[in-house]
Amino acid sequence: MNEAHTAESENLRIVKSSIEAYNTHDINRAVEYEGESIVQYSPERPRGVMGRAWSRQSMAAAFVASPDIQFKVERVVGQGAWGSV
């Protein structure tokens, strides 16, 4: 197995694991996959809000408002350092 294939496999594992954390509403684990430099945009925050603290708040609110919320994954593909869900 070459280095590119190994990195690609690891990236896809991370994507799947982060979605699993979200779908089980494990906020702490889900936020671990985000960088502290993450910026989230929404209609309420059109300029964006930076950081994991906002991510935690946003997820907690989403899970209270929609307790059945989940990502439905149709396909996960990757090539090199890129992945798409």
C-alpha atoms as a PDB file:
ATOM      1  CA  MET A   1       0.000   0.000   0.000  1.00  0.00           C
ATOM      2  CA  ASN A   2       1.474   3.343  -0.976  1.00  0.00           C
ATOM      3  CA  GLU A   3       1.608   6.467   1.195  1.00  0.00           C
ATOM      4  CA  ALA A   4      -1.125   8.303  -0.779  1.00  0.00           C
ATOM      5  CA  HIS A   5      -3.515   5.375  -0.414  1.00  0.00           C
ATOM      6  CA  THR A   6      -2.810   5.172   3.330  1.00  0.00           C
ATOM      7  CA  ALA A   7      -3.493   8.908   3.791  1.00  0.00           C
ATOM      8  CA  GLU A   8      -6.664   8.621   1.733  1.00  0.00           C
ATOM      9  CA  SER A   9      -7.894   5.672   3.833  1.00  0.00           C
ATOM     10  CA  GLU A  10      -7.163   7.564   7.054  1.00  0.00           C
ATOM     11  CA  ASN A  11      -8.978  10.672   5.806  1.00  0.00           C
ATOM     12  CA  LEU A  12     -12.055   8.619   4.911  1.00  0.00           C
ATOM     13  CA  ARG A  13     -11.938   6.898   8.318  1.00  0.00           C
ATOM     14  CA  ILE A  14     -11.898  10.307  10.000  1.00  0.00           C
ATOM     15  CA  VAL A  15     -14.849  11.537   7.932  1.00  0.00           C
ATOM     16  CA  LYS A  16     -16.898   8.435   8.756  1.00  0.00           C
ATOM     17  CA  SER A  17     -15.993   8.642  12.437  1.00  0.00           C
ATOM     18  CA  SER A  18     -16.947  12.324  12.671  1.00  0.00           C
ATOM     19  CA  ILE A  19     -20.328  11.629  11.064  1.00  0.00           C
ATOM     20  CA  GLU A  20     -20.873   8.732  13.457  1.00  0.00           C
ATOM     21  CA  ALA A  21     -20.109  11.044  16.404  1.00  0.00           C
ATOM     22  CA  TYR A  22     -22.650  13.587  15.116  1.00  0.00           C
ATOM     23  CA  ASN A  23     -25.277  10.929  14.469  1.00  0.00           C
ATOM     24  CA  THR A  24     -24.926   9.568  18.008  1.00  0.00           C
ATOM     25  CA  HIS A  25     -25.058  13.155  19.315  1.00  0.00           C
ATOM     26  CA  ASP A  26     -21.628  12.799  20.926  1.00  0.00           C
ATOM     27  CA  ILE A  27     -20.804  16.508  20.864  1.00  0.00           C
ATOM     28  CA  ASN A  28     -17.373  16.277  22.466  1.00  0.00           C
ATOM     29  CA  ARG A  29     -16.209  13.600  20.042  1.00  0.00           C
ATOM     30  CA  ALA A  30     -17.721  15.399  17.042  1.00  0.00           C
ATOM     31  CA  VAL A  31     -15.992  18.663  17.959  1.00  0.00           C
ATOM     32  CA  GLU A  32     -12.630  16.876  18.264  1.00  0.00           C
ATOM     33  CA  TYR A  33     -12.625  16.570  14.466  1.00  0.00           C
ATOM     34  CA  GLU A  34     -12.851  20.330  14.017  1.00  0.00           C
ATOM     35  CA  GLY A  35      -9.936  22.688  14.209  1.00  0.00           C
ATOM     36  CA  GLU A  36     -10.011  25.556  16.690  1.00  0.00           C
ATOM     37  CA  SER A  37      -9.877  27.788  13.622  1.00  0.00           C
ATOM     38  CA  ILE A  38     -13.229  26.489  12.310  1.00  0.00           C
ATOM     39  CA  VAL A  39     -15.583  29.247  11.192  1.00  0.00           C
ATOM     40  CA  GLN A  40     -19.289  28.501  11.037  1.00  0.00           C
ATOM     41  CA  TYR A  41     -21.699  30.613   9.028  1.00  0.00           C
ATOM     42  CA  SER A  42     -25.461  30.721   9.398  1.00  0.00           C
ATOM     43  CA  PRO A  43     -28.304  33.115   8.665  1.00  0.00           C
ATOM     44  CA  GLU A  44     -28.001  34.338  12.280  1.00  0.00           C
ATOM     45  CA  ARG A  45     -24.212  34.713  11.963  1.00  0.00           C
ATOM     46  CA  PRO A  46     -23.549  35.800   8.358  1.00  0.00           C
ATOM     47  CA  ARG A  47     -20.034  37.007   9.254  1.00  0.00           C
ATOM     48  CA  GLY A  48     -19.235  33.680  10.859  1.00  0.00           C
ATOM     49  CA  VAL A  49     -18.210  32.610  14.332  1.00  0.00           C
ATOM     50  CA  MET A  50     -14.812  31.036  15.000  1.00  0.00           C
ATOM     51  CA  GLY A  51     -13.972  28.234  17.365  1.00  0.00           C
ATOM     52  CA  ARG A  52     -15.034  24.947  18.843  1.00  0.00           C
ATOM     53  CA  ALA A  53     -17.049  26.561  21.647  1.00  0.00           C
ATOM     54  CA  TRP A  54     -19.540  27.873  19.118  1.00  0.00           C
ATOM     55  CA  SER A  55     -19.592  24.455  17.441  1.00  0.00           C
ATOM     56  CA  ARG A  56     -20.543  22.837  20.751  1.00  0.00           C
ATOM     57  CA  GLN A  57     -23.325  25.365  21.326  1.00  0.00           C
ATOM     58  CA  SER A  58     -24.605  24.997  17.782  1.00  0.00           C
ATOM     59  CA  MET A  59     -24.714  21.194  17.933  1.00  0.00           C
ATOM     60  CA  ALA A  60     -26.341  21.157  21.368  1.00  0.00           C
ATOM     61  CA  ALA A  61     -29.056  23.521  20.132  1.00  0.00           C
ATOM     62  CA  ALA A  62     -29.600  21.439  16.990  1.00  0.00           C
ATOM     63  CA  PHE A  63     -29.952  18.235  19.024  1.00  0.00           C
ATOM     64  CA  VAL A  64     -32.492  19.852  21.379  1.00  0.00           C
ATOM     65  CA  ALA A  65     -34.501  21.391  18.532  1.00  0.00           C
ATOM     66  CA  SER A  66     -34.354  18.250  16.379  1.00  0.00           C
ATOM     67  CA  PRO A  67     -33.585  15.228  18.556  1.00  0.00           C
ATOM     68  CA  ASP A  68     -33.761  12.849  15.579  1.00  0.00           C
ATOM     69  CA  ILE A  69     -31.354  14.870  13.416  1.00  0.00           C
ATOM     70  CA  GLN A  70     -28.787  12.748  11.591  1.00  0.00           C
ATOM     71  CA  PHE A  71     -26.646  12.821   8.488  1.00  0.00           C
ATOM     72  CA  LYS A  72     -27.728  10.279   5.907  1.00  0.00           C
ATOM     73  CA  VAL A  73     -24.620   9.298   4.010  1.00  0.00           C
ATOM     74  CA  GLU A  74     -25.207   8.369   0.393  1.00  0.00           C
ATOM     75  CA  ARG A  75     -21.554   8.029  -0.590  1.00  0.00           C
ATOM     76  CA  VAL A  76     -18.117   8.824   0.758  1.00  0.00           C
ATOM     77  CA  VAL A  77     -15.330   9.196  -1.777  1.00  0.00           C
ATOM     78  CA  GLY A  78     -11.781  10.322  -1.497  1.00  0.00           C
ATOM     79  CA  GLN A  79      -8.716  10.945  -3.536  1.00  0.00           C
ATOM     80  CA  GLY A  80      -5.431  11.898  -1.936  1.00  0.00           C
ATOM     81  CA  ALA A  81      -6.027  14.551   0.728  1.00  0.00           C
ATOM     82  CA  TRP A  82      -9.581  15.266  -0.494  1.00  0.00           C
ATOM     83  CA  GLY A  83     -12.814  13.683   0.608  1.00  0.00           C
ATOM     84  CA  SER A  84     -16.443  14.268  -0.162  1.00  0.00           C
ATOM     85  CA  VAL A  85     -19.610  13.075   1.517  1.00  0.00           C
END
